[in-house]
Amino acid sequence: MILRELNDPRLPTIVSITRVRLTNDLSFADVFVTVMGTPGQQTAALNALKHSAGVMRTKLTKVLSIRVAPFLRFQLDEDLKKELAVLDLLDKVAKENEEIDRRRAEQGAHDAPPGAAQ
């Protein structure tokens, strides 16, 4: 629906719904999204989604064949940003460890006594 039916110029081509959390009474749905782009583009896209929430809710009611669809509350998924940052740090640590191991191996080869098995 976001990609095909909303014709808002503030929405970039890449908007991903990462998760949805429903309240216990099903009256509200917190929709977490990621938006590719600058922080300004992300804010504009989030505002466009919030502006279109009522229209989407009406369409969902018809498509899902339910009496009343939950109110949609859009939020940028900050958890995903944190997860990606942690994964990036882990990748950097792995590369640094590989470099340290490589240097140790080179140092060990240079420190070996002449004629020692290598």
Protein backbone atom coordinates (compact mmCIF):
# COMPACT_ATOMS: atom_id res chain seq x y z
CA MET A 1 0.00 0.00 0.00
CA ILE A 2 2.80 2.40 0.91
CA LEU A 3 4.70 1.74 -2.30
CA ARG A 4 1.81 1.46 -4.73
CA GLU A 5 -1.07 3.56 -3.46
CA LEU A 6 0.40 6.54 -1.66
CA ASN A 7 1.39 9.23 -4.11
CA ASP A 8 3.24 11.49 -1.73
CA PRO A 9 6.46 13.03 -3.09
CA ARG A 10 7.92 12.97 0.44
CA LEU A 11 8.03 9.18 0.32
CA PRO A 12 11.20 7.76 -1.20
CA THR A 13 11.15 4.52 -3.15
CA ILE A 14 12.65 2.54 -0.26
CA VAL A 15 10.45 2.45 2.83
CA SER A 16 10.51 -0.80 4.78
CA ILE A 17 8.18 -1.89 7.55
CA THR A 18 10.44 -3.66 10.02
CA ARG A 19 7.86 -4.64 12.65
CA VAL A 20 4.38 -3.90 13.92
CA ARG A 21 3.34 -3.94 17.57
CA LEU A 22 -0.38 -4.14 18.37
CA THR A 23 -1.89 -3.06 21.65
CA ASN A 24 -3.70 -5.79 23.61
CA ASP A 25 -7.12 -4.45 22.63
CA LEU A 26 -6.03 -4.18 18.94
CA SER A 27 -7.00 -0.51 18.82
CA PHE A 28 -3.51 0.79 17.97
CA ALA A 29 -0.72 -0.53 15.77
CA ASP A 30 2.75 0.90 16.20
CA VAL A 31 4.33 0.53 12.76
CA PHE A 32 8.11 0.72 12.78
CA VAL A 33 9.73 1.72 9.50
CA THR A 34 13.15 2.32 8.05
CA VAL A 35 13.64 4.91 5.35
CA MET A 36 16.70 5.10 3.16
CA GLY A 37 17.99 8.65 2.88
CA THR A 38 19.23 11.60 4.84
CA PRO A 39 17.79 12.45 8.26
CA GLY A 40 15.72 15.19 6.59
CA GLN A 41 14.31 12.75 4.05
CA GLN A 42 13.54 10.29 6.82
CA THR A 43 11.63 12.94 8.78
CA ALA A 44 9.71 14.01 5.67
CA ALA A 45 8.80 10.39 4.90
CA LEU A 46 7.67 9.79 8.48
CA ASN A 47 5.48 12.90 8.32
CA ALA A 48 3.99 11.69 5.02
CA LEU A 49 3.18 8.31 6.57
CA LYS A 50 1.61 9.93 9.62
CA HIS A 51 -0.43 12.20 7.34
CA SER A 52 -1.68 9.18 5.35
CA ALA A 53 -2.41 6.97 8.37
CA GLY A 54 -6.16 7.61 8.26
CA VAL A 55 -6.45 6.72 4.58
CA MET A 56 -4.41 3.56 5.10
CA ARG A 57 -6.55 2.59 8.10
CA THR A 58 -9.72 2.92 5.99
CA LYS A 59 -8.21 0.80 3.21
CA LEU A 60 -7.03 -1.81 5.71
CA THR A 61 -10.54 -2.10 7.14
CA LYS A 62 -11.88 -2.93 3.66
CA VAL A 63 -9.03 -5.23 2.63
CA LEU A 64 -8.85 -7.19 5.88
CA SER A 65 -12.62 -7.66 6.17
CA ILE A 66 -12.65 -6.51 9.76
CA ARG A 67 -15.09 -4.17 11.39
CA VAL A 68 -12.49 -1.66 12.54
CA ALA A 69 -8.78 -1.56 11.80
CA PRO A 70 -6.36 -0.28 14.43
CA PHE A 71 -5.16 3.31 14.40
CA LEU A 72 -1.72 3.40 12.80
CA ARG A 73 1.15 5.12 14.58
CA PHE A 74 4.30 5.32 12.47
CA GLN A 75 7.74 5.50 14.02
CA LEU A 76 11.27 5.28 12.69
CA ASP A 77 12.84 2.01 13.81
CA GLU A 78 15.77 3.20 15.92
CA ASP A 79 16.45 -0.36 17.11
CA LEU A 80 17.44 -1.37 13.60
CA LYS A 81 19.94 1.50 13.45
CA LYS A 82 21.41 0.34 16.75
CA GLU A 83 21.61 -3.26 15.54
CA LEU A 84 23.38 -2.19 12.35
CA ALA A 85 25.83 -0.08 14.37
CA VAL A 86 26.62 -3.05 16.63
CA LEU A 87 27.11 -5.32 13.60
CA ASP A 88 29.45 -2.72 12.08
CA LEU A 89 31.48 -2.58 15.30
CA LEU A 90 31.70 -6.38 15.44
CA ASP A 91 32.92 -6.42 11.84
CA LYS A 92 35.60 -3.84 12.68
CA VAL A 93 36.72 -5.88 15.70
CA ALA A 94 36.95 -9.04 13.58
CA LYS A 95 39.08 -7.23 10.99
CA GLU A 96 41.35 -5.80 13.68
CA ASN A 97 41.75 -9.26 15.24
CA GLU A 98 42.65 -10.72 11.83
CA GLU A 99 45.29 -8.00 11.38
CA ILE A 100 46.73 -8.66 14.87
CA ASP A 101 46.86 -12.41 14.19
CA ARG A 102 48.55 -11.79 10.83
CA ARG A 103 51.19 -9.55 12.44
CA ARG A 104 51.83 -12.10 15.20
CA ALA A 105 52.25 -14.85 12.62
CA GLU A 106 54.72 -12.71 10.65
CA GLN A 107 56.60 -11.79 13.83
CA GLY A 108 56.75 -15.43 14.87
CA ALA A 109 58.20 -16.41 11.47
CA HIS A 110 60.92 -13.74 11.80
CA ASP A 111 61.76 -14.73 15.40
CA ALA A 112 62.18 -18.44 14.64
CA PRO A 113 65.75 -19.68 14.97
CA PRO A 114 67.58 -20.51 11.71
CA GLY A 115 66.98 -24.05 10.54
CA ALA A 116 63.80 -24.41 12.64
CA ALA A 117 60.90 -26.14 10.96
CA GLN A 118 58.38 -23.70 9.61
